[in-house]
N, C-alpha and C. Protein backbone atom coordinates (compact mmCIF):
# COMPACT_ATOMS: atom_id res chain seq x y z
N UNK A 1 0.79 -1.11 0.02
CA UNK A 1 -0.10 0.02 -0.08
C UNK A 1 0.89 1.22 0.21
N UNK A 2 0.31 2.24 -0.33
CA UNK A 2 1.12 3.70 -0.47
C UNK A 2 1.76 3.90 0.58
N UNK A 3 1.33 3.57 1.97
CA UNK A 3 1.76 3.99 3.35
C UNK A 3 3.01 3.53 3.79
N UNK A 4 3.33 2.56 3.01
CA UNK A 4 4.50 1.65 3.45
C UNK A 4 5.72 2.22 2.52
N UNK A 5 6.95 1.70 3.33
CA UNK A 5 8.18 2.36 2.43
C UNK A 5 8.56 1.44 1.47
N UNK A 6 9.35 2.12 0.55
CA UNK A 6 9.73 1.32 -0.77
C UNK A 6 10.69 0.57 -0.46
N UNK A 7 10.55 -0.74 -1.09
CA UNK A 7 12.22 -1.58 -1.15
C UNK A 7 11.31 -2.80 -0.22
N UNK A 8 10.37 -2.51 0.49
CA UNK A 8 9.75 -3.92 1.27
C UNK A 8 8.62 -4.48 0.79
N UNK A 9 8.25 -5.50 0.46
CA UNK A 9 7.40 -6.33 0.00
C UNK A 9 6.12 -6.14 0.73
N UNK A 10 4.89 -5.61 0.12
CA UNK A 10 3.72 -5.42 0.66
C UNK A 10 3.11 -6.69 1.50
N UNK A 11 3.16 -7.90 0.88
CA UNK A 11 2.99 -9.00 1.67
C UNK A 11 3.70 -9.99 1.01
N UNK A 12 3.90 -11.05 1.76
CA UNK A 12 4.79 -12.14 1.45
C UNK A 12 4.14 -12.99 0.53
N UNK A 13 4.80 -13.49 -0.48
CA UNK A 13 4.20 -14.42 -1.48
C UNK A 13 3.74 -15.97 -0.68
N UNK A 14 2.41 -16.23 -1.38
CA UNK A 14 2.12 -17.23 -0.88
C UNK A 14 2.12 -18.64 -1.94
N UNK A 15 2.96 -19.65 -1.35
CA UNK A 15 3.25 -20.73 -2.33
C UNK A 15 1.92 -21.28 -2.81
N UNK A 16 1.84 -21.61 -4.32
CA UNK A 16 0.69 -22.04 -4.88
C UNK A 16 -0.12 -23.25 -4.18
N UNK A 17 0.91 -24.08 -3.57
CA UNK A 17 0.52 -25.32 -2.80
C UNK A 17 -0.22 -24.86 -1.67
N UNK A 18 0.09 -23.90 -1.05
CA UNK A 18 -0.26 -23.27 0.03
C UNK A 18 -1.68 -22.89 -0.09
N UNK A 19 -1.85 -21.96 -1.36
CA UNK A 19 -3.13 -21.64 -1.50
C UNK A 19 -4.17 -22.79 -1.84
N UNK A 20 -3.82 -23.69 -2.69
CA UNK A 20 -4.63 -24.61 -2.74
C UNK A 20 -5.16 -25.70 -1.58
N UNK A 21 -4.31 -25.61 -0.61
CA UNK A 21 -4.73 -26.22 0.71
C UNK A 21 -5.68 -25.61 1.47
N UNK A 22 -5.37 -24.10 1.21
CA UNK A 22 -6.40 -23.23 2.05
C UNK A 22 -7.68 -23.24 1.53
N UNK A 23 -7.58 -23.37 0.20
CA UNK A 23 -8.91 -23.63 -0.38
C UNK A 23 -9.77 -24.70 -0.05
N UNK A 24 -9.22 -25.61 0.61
CA UNK A 24 -9.65 -27.06 1.19
C UNK A 24 -10.42 -26.76 2.36
N UNK A 25 -9.63 -25.90 2.93
CA UNK A 25 -10.12 -25.87 4.50
C UNK A 25 -11.32 -25.17 4.42
N UNK A 26 -12.47 -25.81 5.44
CA UNK A 26 -13.66 -24.98 5.78
C UNK A 26 -13.67 -23.68 6.18
N UNK A 27 -14.73 -23.20 5.63
CA UNK A 27 -14.56 -21.55 6.13
C UNK A 27 -15.70 -21.31 7.47
N UNK A 28 -16.81 -22.11 7.57
CA UNK A 28 -17.38 -21.93 8.61
C UNK A 28 -17.01 -22.43 10.11
N UNK A 29 -17.44 -21.64 11.28
CA UNK A 29 -17.23 -21.83 12.35
C UNK A 29 -17.47 -23.28 12.72
N UNK A 30 -18.62 -23.76 12.35
CA UNK A 30 -19.37 -25.25 12.49
C UNK A 30 -18.28 -26.15 11.98
N UNK A 31 -17.89 -25.99 10.85
CA UNK A 31 -16.99 -27.03 10.30
C UNK A 31 -15.82 -27.11 10.85
N UNK A 32 -15.53 -26.20 11.38
CA UNK A 32 -14.12 -26.00 11.95
C UNK A 32 -14.31 -26.49 13.28
N UNK A 33 -15.52 -26.48 14.08
CA UNK A 33 -15.64 -27.13 15.29
C UNK A 33 -15.52 -28.57 15.14
N UNK A 34 -16.20 -29.22 14.28
CA UNK A 34 -16.42 -30.53 13.83
C UNK A 34 -15.16 -31.05 13.57
N UNK A 35 -14.51 -30.55 12.59
CA UNK A 35 -12.95 -31.15 12.52
C UNK A 35 -11.94 -30.89 13.75
N UNK A 36 -12.19 -30.03 14.66
CA UNK A 36 -11.51 -30.07 15.84
C UNK A 36 -11.79 -31.44 16.68
N UNK A 37 -13.27 -31.35 16.82
CA UNK A 37 -13.61 -32.51 17.64
C UNK A 37 -13.38 -33.95 16.96
N UNK A 38 -13.45 -34.17 15.64
CA UNK A 38 -12.89 -35.25 15.12
C UNK A 38 -11.50 -35.51 15.42
N UNK A 39 -10.56 -34.45 15.35
CA UNK A 39 -9.28 -34.73 15.54
C UNK A 39 -8.92 -35.05 16.94
N UNK A 40 -9.83 -34.57 17.96
CA UNK A 40 -9.53 -35.05 19.05
C UNK A 40 -9.87 -36.60 19.57
N UNK A 41 -10.95 -36.98 18.87
CA UNK A 41 -11.39 -38.26 18.96
C UNK A 41 -10.39 -39.16 18.43
N UNK A 42 -9.78 -38.87 17.17
CA UNK A 42 -8.72 -39.84 16.50
C UNK A 42 -7.90 -39.77 17.51
N UNK A 43 -7.30 -38.70 18.13
CA UNK A 43 -6.12 -38.66 18.98
C UNK A 43 -6.44 -39.32 20.11
N UNK A 44 -7.70 -39.61 20.77
CA UNK A 44 -7.77 -40.32 21.80
C UNK A 44 -7.74 -41.80 21.56
N UNK A 45 -8.25 -42.24 20.28
CA UNK A 45 -8.35 -43.41 19.93
C UNK A 45 -6.64 -43.70 19.83
N UNK A 46 -5.82 -42.96 19.13
CA UNK A 46 -4.60 -43.21 19.05
C UNK A 46 -3.98 -43.53 20.17
N UNK A 47 -4.09 -42.73 21.44
CA UNK A 47 -3.43 -42.90 22.66
C UNK A 47 -3.84 -44.21 22.95
N UNK A 48 -5.13 -44.48 22.97
CA UNK A 48 -5.44 -45.63 23.66
C UNK A 48 -5.29 -46.91 23.00
N UNK A 49 -4.56 -46.70 21.66
CA UNK A 49 -4.38 -47.65 21.11
C UNK A 49 -5.42 -48.82 20.67
N UNK A 50 -6.46 -48.13 20.35
CA UNK A 50 -7.68 -48.61 19.96
C UNK A 50 -8.01 -48.57 18.77
N UNK A 51 -8.01 -49.71 17.77
CA UNK A 51 -8.60 -49.67 16.47
C UNK A 51 -9.83 -49.19 16.35
N UNK A 52 -9.81 -48.41 15.05
CA UNK A 52 -11.04 -47.57 14.62
C UNK A 52 -12.17 -48.90 14.00
N UNK A 53 -13.17 -48.99 14.35
CA UNK A 53 -14.00 -49.96 13.80
C UNK A 53 -14.83 -49.47 12.61
N UNK A 54 -14.35 -49.79 11.39
CA UNK A 54 -14.90 -49.00 10.24
C UNK A 54 -16.00 -50.23 9.66
N UNK A 55 -16.90 -49.52 9.36
CA UNK A 55 -18.05 -50.25 8.69
C UNK A 55 -17.92 -50.06 7.36
N UNK A 56 -18.06 -51.53 6.92
CA UNK A 56 -18.01 -51.60 5.34
C UNK A 56 -19.30 -51.88 4.66
N UNK A 57 -19.76 -51.22 3.57
CA UNK A 57 -21.06 -51.39 2.99
C UNK A 57 -20.94 -52.83 2.07
N UNK A 58 -22.07 -53.26 1.66
CA UNK A 58 -21.64 -54.50 0.96
C UNK A 58 -23.12 -54.68 0.44
N UNK A 59 -23.20 -55.46 -0.81
CA UNK A 59 -24.30 -55.75 -1.31
C UNK A 59 -24.59 -57.34 -1.34
N UNK A 60 -25.96 -57.63 -0.88
CA UNK A 60 -26.29 -58.93 -0.20
C UNK A 60 -27.06 -59.63 -1.60
N UNK A 61 -26.78 -60.87 -1.87
CA UNK A 61 -27.50 -61.48 -2.72
C UNK A 61 -27.49 -63.07 -2.83
N UNK A 62 -28.46 -63.62 -3.31
CA UNK A 62 -28.75 -65.08 -3.14
C UNK A 62 -28.06 -66.07 -4.55
N UNK A 63 -27.58 -66.90 -3.96
CA UNK A 63 -26.96 -67.97 -4.70
C UNK A 63 -27.93 -69.36 -4.33
N UNK A 64 -28.54 -70.12 -5.49
CA UNK A 64 -29.51 -71.02 -5.33
C UNK A 64 -30.83 -70.71 -4.45
N UNK A 65 -31.25 -71.44 -3.76
CA UNK A 65 -32.54 -71.56 -3.26
C UNK A 65 -32.36 -70.64 -1.87
N UNK A 66 -31.53 -70.64 -1.12
CA UNK A 66 -31.33 -69.76 0.13
C UNK A 66 -29.84 -69.28 0.65
N UNK A 67 -29.00 -69.62 0.15
CA UNK A 67 -27.68 -69.06 0.11
C UNK A 67 -27.38 -67.74 0.04
N UNK A 68 -27.07 -67.15 1.01
CA UNK A 68 -26.84 -65.48 0.94
C UNK A 68 -25.34 -65.23 1.14
N UNK A 69 -25.12 -64.33 0.35
CA UNK A 69 -23.65 -63.87 -0.09
C UNK A 69 -23.41 -62.37 0.09
N UNK A 70 -22.09 -61.61 0.20
CA UNK A 70 -22.18 -60.40 0.34
C UNK A 70 -20.79 -59.94 -0.45
N UNK A 71 -20.82 -59.12 -1.25
CA UNK A 71 -19.57 -58.60 -1.99
C UNK A 71 -19.65 -56.86 -1.44
N UNK A 72 -18.40 -56.37 -1.07
CA UNK A 72 -18.40 -55.12 -0.49
C UNK A 72 -18.38 -54.38 -1.58
N UNK A 73 -19.24 -53.17 -1.35
CA UNK A 73 -19.53 -52.16 -2.33
C UNK A 73 -18.19 -51.54 -2.95
N UNK A 74 -16.96 -51.52 -2.27
CA UNK A 74 -15.91 -50.80 -3.01
C UNK A 74 -15.49 -51.56 -4.44
N UNK A 75 -15.83 -53.01 -4.23
CA UNK A 75 -15.53 -53.78 -5.62
C UNK A 75 -16.55 -53.86 -6.35
N UNK A 76 -17.55 -53.17 -6.32
CA UNK A 76 -19.03 -53.58 -7.25
C UNK A 76 -19.01 -52.17 -8.25
N UNK A 77 -19.03 -52.52 -9.48
CA UNK A 77 -19.05 -51.56 -10.72
C UNK A 77 -20.78 -51.20 -10.88
N UNK A 78 -21.15 -52.40 -11.02
CA UNK A 78 -22.78 -51.94 -11.23
C UNK A 78 -23.45 -53.13 -10.98
N UNK A 79 -24.64 -53.39 -11.16
CA UNK A 79 -25.65 -54.26 -11.35
C UNK A 79 -26.55 -54.21 -12.76
N UNK A 80 -26.55 -55.22 -13.33
CA UNK A 80 -27.25 -55.33 -14.50
C UNK A 80 -27.97 -56.57 -14.88
N UNK A 81 -29.07 -56.74 -15.81
CA UNK A 81 -29.96 -57.77 -15.84
C UNK A 81 -28.97 -58.73 -16.50
N UNK A 82 -29.06 -60.00 -16.55
CA UNK A 82 -28.36 -61.23 -16.97
C UNK A 82 -28.40 -61.06 -18.52
N UNK A 83 -29.41 -60.88 -19.01
CA UNK A 83 -29.75 -60.66 -20.36
C UNK A 83 -29.32 -62.19 -21.25
N UNK A 84 -28.65 -61.90 -22.48
CA UNK A 84 -28.24 -62.85 -23.09
C UNK A 84 -26.78 -63.13 -22.85
N UNK A 85 -26.64 -64.36 -22.23
CA UNK A 85 -25.03 -64.79 -21.90
C UNK A 85 -24.70 -65.78 -23.00
N UNK A 86 -23.70 -65.59 -23.75
CA UNK A 86 -23.26 -66.36 -24.78
C UNK A 86 -22.15 -67.47 -24.18
N UNK A 87 -22.52 -68.96 -24.22
CA UNK A 87 -21.44 -69.81 -23.81
C UNK A 87 -20.11 -69.77 -24.46
N UNK A 88 -19.14 -70.16 -24.28
CA UNK A 88 -17.92 -70.15 -24.79
C UNK A 88 -17.34 -71.73 -24.47
N UNK A 89 -17.08 -72.08 -25.81
CA UNK A 89 -16.51 -73.63 -25.70
C UNK A 89 -15.62 -73.82 -25.26
N UNK A 90 -15.12 -74.98 -24.46
CA UNK A 90 -13.51 -75.19 -23.93
C UNK A 90 -13.18 -74.42 -22.70
N UNK A 91 -14.28 -73.60 -22.14
CA UNK A 91 -14.02 -72.89 -20.62
C UNK A 91 -14.44 -74.10 -19.65
N UNK A 92 -13.64 -73.63 -18.24
CA UNK A 92 -14.14 -74.24 -17.20
C UNK A 92 -15.70 -74.02 -16.73
N UNK A 93 -16.38 -74.69 -16.13
CA UNK A 93 -17.82 -74.94 -15.57
C UNK A 93 -17.98 -73.73 -14.91
N UNK A 94 -17.10 -72.76 -14.47
CA UNK A 94 -17.49 -71.76 -13.41
C UNK A 94 -17.51 -70.61 -14.56
N UNK A 95 -17.09 -70.55 -15.75
CA UNK A 95 -17.18 -69.44 -17.04
C UNK A 95 -18.67 -69.95 -17.36
N UNK A 96 -19.69 -69.02 -17.04
CA UNK A 96 -21.00 -69.13 -17.73
C UNK A 96 -21.12 -68.77 -19.05
N UNK A 97 -20.23 -67.60 -19.30
CA UNK A 97 -20.22 -67.23 -20.72
C UNK A 97 -19.78 -65.86 -20.89
N UNK A 98 -20.06 -65.40 -21.97
CA UNK A 98 -19.81 -63.59 -22.05
C UNK A 98 -21.03 -63.21 -22.38
N UNK A 99 -21.15 -61.88 -21.89
CA UNK A 99 -22.25 -60.80 -22.27
C UNK A 99 -21.77 -59.49 -22.63
N UNK A 100 -22.35 -59.01 -23.46
CA UNK A 100 -22.13 -57.62 -24.18
C UNK A 100 -22.63 -56.59 -22.90
N UNK A 101 -21.67 -55.73 -22.70
CA UNK A 101 -21.67 -54.97 -21.93
C UNK A 101 -21.21 -53.37 -22.49
N UNK A 102 -22.03 -52.76 -23.13
CA UNK A 102 -21.88 -51.53 -23.80
C UNK A 102 -20.58 -51.61 -24.55
N UNK A 103 -20.74 -52.63 -25.31
CA UNK A 103 -20.00 -52.95 -26.70
C UNK A 103 -18.61 -53.53 -26.26
N UNK A 104 -18.39 -54.00 -24.93
CA UNK A 104 -17.24 -55.03 -24.70
C UNK A 104 -17.60 -56.14 -24.00
N UNK A 105 -17.09 -57.34 -24.34
CA UNK A 105 -17.51 -58.43 -23.64
C UNK A 105 -17.14 -58.74 -22.53
N UNK A 106 -17.98 -58.99 -21.52
CA UNK A 106 -17.87 -59.53 -20.29
C UNK A 106 -17.72 -60.59 -19.80
N UNK A 107 -16.86 -61.31 -19.22
CA UNK A 107 -16.87 -62.73 -18.64
C UNK A 107 -17.84 -62.90 -17.49
N UNK A 108 -18.64 -63.71 -17.55
CA UNK A 108 -19.50 -63.86 -16.63
C UNK A 108 -19.32 -65.31 -15.75
N UNK A 109 -19.26 -65.24 -14.60
CA UNK A 109 -18.99 -66.22 -13.73
C UNK A 109 -20.01 -66.83 -13.05
N UNK A 110 -20.04 -68.12 -12.57
CA UNK A 110 -20.98 -68.95 -11.82
C UNK A 110 -20.62 -69.64 -10.78
N UNK A 111 -20.41 -68.72 -9.65
CA UNK A 111 -19.71 -69.06 -8.52
C UNK A 111 -20.65 -70.46 -7.63
N UNK A 112 -21.47 -70.94 -8.19
CA UNK A 112 -22.12 -72.19 -7.54
C UNK A 112 -21.05 -73.32 -7.88
N UNK A 113 -20.30 -73.21 -8.89
CA UNK A 113 -19.32 -74.33 -9.09
C UNK A 113 -18.21 -73.94 -8.09
N UNK A 114 -18.03 -73.01 -7.37
CA UNK A 114 -17.22 -72.91 -6.10
C UNK A 114 -17.95 -73.20 -4.78
N UNK A 115 -19.03 -72.69 -4.50
CA UNK A 115 -19.79 -72.88 -3.28
C UNK A 115 -20.54 -73.94 -2.97
N UNK A 116 -21.30 -74.37 -4.24
CA UNK A 116 -22.14 -75.60 -4.09
C UNK A 116 -23.24 -75.01 -3.06
N UNK A 117 -24.24 -73.92 -3.33
CA UNK A 117 -25.33 -73.99 -2.51
C UNK A 117 -26.39 -75.02 -2.42
N UNK A 118 -26.82 -75.09 -1.38
CA UNK A 118 -27.57 -76.32 -0.75
C UNK A 118 -29.08 -76.20 -1.81
N UNK A 119 -29.61 -77.26 -1.96
CA UNK A 119 -30.89 -77.26 -2.66
C UNK A 119 -30.88 -76.00 -3.87
N UNK A 120 -30.18 -76.45 -4.93
CA UNK A 120 -29.69 -75.62 -5.90
C UNK A 120 -30.87 -75.37 -6.72
N UNK A 121 -30.88 -74.04 -7.16
CA UNK A 121 -32.06 -73.38 -7.92
C UNK A 121 -31.49 -72.94 -9.17
N UNK A 122 -31.75 -73.33 -10.41
CA UNK A 122 -31.51 -72.65 -11.82
C UNK A 122 -31.70 -71.28 -11.95
N UNK A 123 -30.86 -70.59 -12.57
CA UNK A 123 -31.24 -68.95 -12.73
C UNK A 123 -32.44 -68.90 -13.66
N UNK A 124 -33.26 -67.84 -13.27
CA UNK A 124 -34.59 -67.38 -14.10
C UNK A 124 -34.26 -66.33 -14.90
N UNK A 125 -35.28 -65.92 -15.54
CA UNK A 125 -35.23 -65.00 -16.40
C UNK A 125 -34.83 -63.57 -15.76
N UNK A 126 -35.07 -63.25 -14.57
CA UNK A 126 -34.69 -62.04 -13.92
C UNK A 126 -33.47 -62.04 -12.99
N UNK A 127 -32.68 -63.16 -13.32
CA UNK A 127 -31.44 -63.23 -12.88
C UNK A 127 -30.45 -62.03 -13.34
N UNK A 128 -29.56 -61.91 -12.23
CA UNK A 128 -28.94 -60.52 -12.21
C UNK A 128 -27.50 -60.76 -12.41
N UNK A 129 -26.64 -59.59 -12.83
CA UNK A 129 -25.15 -59.74 -12.92
C UNK A 129 -24.26 -58.67 -12.10
N UNK A 130 -23.72 -59.20 -11.04
CA UNK A 130 -22.92 -58.15 -10.32
C UNK A 130 -21.71 -57.81 -10.93
N UNK A 131 -21.34 -56.59 -11.37
CA UNK A 131 -20.06 -56.53 -12.07
C UNK A 131 -19.07 -56.12 -10.99
N UNK A 132 -18.01 -56.87 -11.05
CA UNK A 132 -17.13 -56.52 -9.70
C UNK A 132 -15.69 -56.34 -10.56
N UNK A 133 -15.05 -55.48 -9.64
CA UNK A 133 -13.57 -55.11 -10.22
C UNK A 133 -12.80 -55.21 -9.00
N UNK A 134 -11.54 -56.15 -9.11
CA UNK A 134 -10.61 -56.40 -8.14
C UNK A 134 -9.33 -56.35 -8.61
N UNK A 135 -8.19 -55.78 -8.29
CA UNK A 135 -6.98 -55.81 -8.70
C UNK A 135 -6.87 -55.50 -10.03
N UNK A 136 -7.46 -54.62 -10.57
CA UNK A 136 -7.50 -54.67 -12.14
C UNK A 136 -8.36 -55.60 -12.85
N UNK A 137 -8.59 -56.42 -12.31
CA UNK A 137 -9.49 -57.50 -13.08
C UNK A 137 -11.03 -57.24 -12.91
N UNK A 138 -11.71 -57.62 -14.34
CA UNK A 138 -13.44 -57.13 -14.12
C UNK A 138 -13.83 -58.59 -14.55
N UNK A 139 -15.01 -58.70 -13.78
CA UNK A 139 -15.96 -60.03 -14.20
C UNK A 139 -17.22 -59.84 -13.70
N UNK A 140 -18.40 -60.46 -14.24
CA UNK A 140 -19.67 -60.35 -13.86
C UNK A 140 -19.88 -61.59 -12.79
N UNK A 141 -20.74 -61.41 -12.11
CA UNK A 141 -21.06 -62.70 -11.03
C UNK A 141 -22.54 -62.79 -11.20
N UNK A 142 -22.91 -64.07 -11.82
CA UNK A 142 -24.28 -64.29 -12.10
C UNK A 142 -24.93 -64.70 -10.66
N UNK A 143 -26.14 -63.90 -10.25
CA UNK A 143 -26.69 -64.17 -9.17
C UNK A 143 -28.23 -64.62 -9.46
N UNK A 144 -28.76 -65.28 -8.44
CA UNK A 144 -30.27 -65.63 -8.62
C UNK A 144 -31.07 -64.34 -8.12
N UNK A 145 -30.54 -63.59 -6.99
CA UNK A 145 -31.38 -62.50 -6.62
C UNK A 145 -30.36 -61.51 -5.69
N UNK A 146 -30.76 -60.29 -5.96
CA UNK A 146 -30.20 -59.01 -5.40
C UNK A 146 -30.85 -58.85 -4.06
N UNK A 147 -30.63 -59.10 -2.76
CA UNK A 147 -31.52 -59.06 -1.68
C UNK A 147 -31.56 -57.57 -1.21
N UNK A 148 -30.36 -57.06 -1.14
CA UNK A 148 -30.42 -55.45 -0.63
C UNK A 148 -28.85 -55.35 -0.44
N UNK A 149 -28.82 -54.22 0.63
CA UNK A 149 -27.22 -53.88 1.02
C UNK A 149 -27.48 -53.85 2.55
N UNK A 150 -26.10 -53.47 3.13
CA UNK A 150 -26.15 -53.60 4.54
C UNK A 150 -24.58 -53.35 4.90
N UNK A 151 -24.20 -53.22 5.92
CA UNK A 151 -22.63 -53.02 6.45
C UNK A 151 -22.19 -54.14 7.32
N UNK A 152 -21.07 -54.27 7.56
CA UNK A 152 -20.25 -55.27 8.51
C UNK A 152 -18.95 -54.73 8.92
N UNK A 153 -18.62 -55.05 9.91
CA UNK A 153 -17.43 -54.68 10.62
C UNK A 153 -16.50 -55.88 10.61
N UNK A 154 -15.18 -55.62 9.89
CA UNK A 154 -14.48 -56.94 9.48
C UNK A 154 -14.00 -57.65 10.87
N UNK A 155 -13.88 -56.77 11.84
CA UNK A 155 -13.31 -57.67 13.30
C UNK A 155 -14.58 -58.37 13.73
N UNK A 156 -15.62 -58.29 13.32
CA UNK A 156 -16.78 -58.74 13.97
C UNK A 156 -17.45 -60.01 13.37
N UNK A 157 -16.60 -60.24 12.02
CA UNK A 157 -17.21 -61.30 11.33
C UNK A 157 -16.86 -62.69 11.98
N UNK A 158 -17.91 -63.71 11.82
CA UNK A 158 -17.55 -64.98 12.39
C UNK A 158 -16.72 -65.86 11.30
N UNK A 159 -15.79 -66.49 11.88
CA UNK A 159 -15.02 -67.70 10.93
C UNK A 159 -15.83 -68.42 9.94
N UNK A 160 -15.41 -68.48 8.96
CA UNK A 160 -16.23 -69.32 7.97
C UNK A 160 -15.75 -71.02 8.34
N UNK A 161 -16.94 -71.73 8.33
CA UNK A 161 -16.80 -73.18 8.96
C UNK A 161 -17.20 -74.08 8.03
N UNK A 162 -16.82 -75.19 7.80
CA UNK A 162 -17.38 -75.97 6.74
C UNK A 162 -18.53 -76.33 7.18
N UNK A 163 -19.58 -76.31 5.67
CA UNK A 163 -21.17 -76.44 5.93
C UNK A 163 -21.69 -76.58 4.61
N UNK A 164 -23.20 -77.14 4.56
CA UNK A 164 -23.35 -77.38 3.35
C UNK A 164 -23.87 -76.06 2.66
N UNK A 165 -23.27 -75.97 1.36
CA UNK A 165 -23.41 -74.83 1.00
C UNK A 165 -22.40 -73.98 0.81
N UNK A 166 -21.51 -74.11 1.66
CA UNK A 166 -20.38 -73.46 1.74
C UNK A 166 -18.94 -74.44 1.45
N UNK A 167 -18.30 -73.88 0.39
CA UNK A 167 -17.09 -74.70 0.07
C UNK A 167 -16.05 -73.56 -0.41
N UNK A 168 -14.68 -73.99 -0.43
CA UNK A 168 -13.69 -73.07 -0.74
C UNK A 168 -13.59 -71.91 0.13
N UNK A 169 -13.47 -72.20 1.28
CA UNK A 169 -13.53 -71.29 2.51
C UNK A 169 -12.50 -70.17 2.21
N UNK A 170 -11.46 -70.35 1.77
CA UNK A 170 -10.46 -69.40 1.62
C UNK A 170 -10.85 -68.19 0.97
N UNK A 171 -11.99 -68.37 0.16
CA UNK A 171 -12.38 -67.09 -0.74
C UNK A 171 -13.52 -66.40 0.23
N UNK A 172 -13.51 -66.56 1.59
CA UNK A 172 -14.67 -65.90 2.30
C UNK A 172 -13.89 -65.13 3.56
N UNK A 173 -14.31 -63.92 3.43
CA UNK A 173 -13.60 -63.23 4.42
C UNK A 173 -14.04 -63.53 5.88
N UNK A 174 -15.33 -63.84 6.03
CA UNK A 174 -16.00 -64.44 7.22
C UNK A 174 -17.65 -64.38 6.87
N UNK A 175 -18.23 -64.91 8.05
CA UNK A 175 -19.69 -64.92 8.23
C UNK A 175 -20.33 -63.68 8.86
N UNK A 176 -21.09 -62.77 8.23
CA UNK A 176 -21.88 -61.59 8.99
C UNK A 176 -23.38 -62.24 9.31
N UNK A 177 -23.62 -62.00 10.78
CA UNK A 177 -24.99 -62.19 11.47
C UNK A 177 -25.12 -63.63 10.95
N UNK A 178 -24.02 -64.44 11.16
CA UNK A 178 -24.40 -65.91 11.11
C UNK A 178 -24.94 -66.60 9.87
N UNK A 179 -25.37 -65.81 8.87
CA UNK A 179 -25.82 -66.42 7.78
C UNK A 179 -25.41 -65.89 6.42
N UNK A 180 -24.88 -64.56 6.34
CA UNK A 180 -24.14 -64.19 5.11
C UNK A 180 -22.75 -64.10 4.93
N UNK A 181 -22.32 -65.07 3.90
CA UNK A 181 -20.88 -65.11 3.71
C UNK A 181 -20.28 -63.91 3.00
N UNK A 182 -19.18 -63.30 3.48
CA UNK A 182 -18.60 -62.26 2.76
C UNK A 182 -17.41 -62.64 1.90
N UNK A 183 -17.73 -62.41 0.84
CA UNK A 183 -16.59 -62.72 -0.26
C UNK A 183 -15.36 -61.82 -0.26
N UNK A 184 -14.15 -62.69 -0.25
CA UNK A 184 -12.70 -62.22 -0.63
C UNK A 184 -12.59 -62.09 -2.04
N UNK A 185 -13.07 -61.06 -2.78
CA UNK A 185 -12.86 -61.05 -4.24
C UNK A 185 -11.37 -61.16 -4.62
N UNK A 186 -10.51 -60.69 -4.02
CA UNK A 186 -8.96 -60.55 -4.36
C UNK A 186 -8.73 -62.10 -4.23
N UNK A 187 -9.02 -63.09 -3.42
CA UNK A 187 -8.54 -64.43 -3.02
C UNK A 187 -9.30 -65.37 -4.14
N UNK A 188 -10.70 -64.81 -4.45
CA UNK A 188 -11.27 -65.85 -5.32
C UNK A 188 -10.81 -65.34 -6.86
N UNK A 189 -10.20 -64.02 -7.24
CA UNK A 189 -9.82 -63.82 -8.49
C UNK A 189 -8.39 -64.07 -8.63
N UNK A 190 -7.66 -64.33 -7.49
CA UNK A 190 -6.08 -64.98 -7.68
C UNK A 190 -6.23 -66.72 -7.61
N UNK A 191 -7.66 -67.20 -7.37
CA UNK A 191 -7.53 -68.63 -7.42
C UNK A 191 -6.86 -69.17 -8.83
N UNK A 192 -5.88 -69.96 -8.70
CA UNK A 192 -5.24 -70.55 -10.00
C UNK A 192 -6.23 -71.12 -10.87
N UNK A 193 -7.55 -71.69 -10.52
CA UNK A 193 -8.15 -72.29 -11.70
C UNK A 193 -9.05 -71.02 -12.13
N UNK A 194 -9.19 -70.00 -11.19
CA UNK A 194 -9.95 -68.98 -11.83
C UNK A 194 -9.38 -68.10 -13.01
N UNK A 195 -8.24 -67.51 -12.74
CA UNK A 195 -7.47 -66.83 -13.56
C UNK A 195 -8.20 -66.06 -14.78
N UNK A 196 -9.14 -65.21 -14.27
CA UNK A 196 -9.93 -64.40 -14.90
C UNK A 196 -9.34 -63.13 -15.74
N UNK A 197 -7.89 -63.14 -15.50
CA UNK A 197 -7.25 -62.13 -16.19
C UNK A 197 -6.89 -62.57 -17.50
N UNK A 198 -6.94 -63.79 -17.82
CA UNK A 198 -6.97 -64.05 -19.10
C UNK A 198 -8.10 -64.15 -19.94
N UNK A 199 -7.91 -63.89 -21.29
CA UNK A 199 -9.05 -63.77 -22.12
C UNK A 199 -9.57 -65.26 -22.03
N UNK A 200 -11.33 -65.09 -22.16
CA UNK A 200 -11.96 -66.34 -21.80
C UNK A 200 -11.44 -67.09 -23.22
N UNK A 201 -11.42 -68.52 -22.78
CA UNK A 201 -10.96 -69.48 -23.52
C UNK A 201 -9.40 -69.70 -23.83
N UNK A 202 -8.86 -68.82 -23.26
CA UNK A 202 -7.06 -68.77 -23.25
C UNK A 202 -6.68 -69.98 -22.34
N UNK A 203 -5.55 -70.77 -22.83
CA UNK A 203 -5.16 -71.74 -22.34
C UNK A 203 -3.97 -71.11 -21.20
C-alpha cells in the first residue's frame, strides 16, 4: 500500500500449494468445530491404541434356493440384468459365458461351481449380474437375486466353517450375522483355477 516504505514487499508471497490447501479448508465456524472434535477423537483413539471400527457397506445376494452372500461395495461396478449370456466352448464350468456390456465382452462367472449352494435353483429370466472389479480384473457374477445392502465390521465377522452350501472357505472373509458369507474377491480372482485375467478360452 502507499503508506509503506519502498523496497519492502507489501505482503509475503504465498506458495501455490499453500493456496490450494487453504481452499480445501472449511470456512464456517461449525465446520472448524467438527474438524477439531474429530481430530480430538482420533487422538484419543490413537493414545488408547484402539483400532477404529470401520463399517464396510456390501451388497447382499442369493445363490441357489437360500444361500446368501455379500460383496463389498468398494469392488462393485454396477448391477445389470443377465440378458443374453453366450456360452464359450472349452472354458471351465464356472465360466457361464460372455455378455455384451456397452460394446465390450464381459466374462460372466457362476460361483455355484465354487460354493455349491444347498438345494440348488436354476437361474430364472430375472437373474442379475453383479459387475465386480478387483486388482484391475473385471468380471460379472451371476446371481439368483439381489437382496439389498447392509454394512459389516471386519473384526466382528465369524470365521467361515465347513457347512453344506459353503465350499472353498479361503475365498470368504467371514460370516456376517451368522448367515451371510462375505466374499474375498481378491482371493477368488487370484485362485489359479479362476485366472479371470486371461481372455475367456485362453489356455
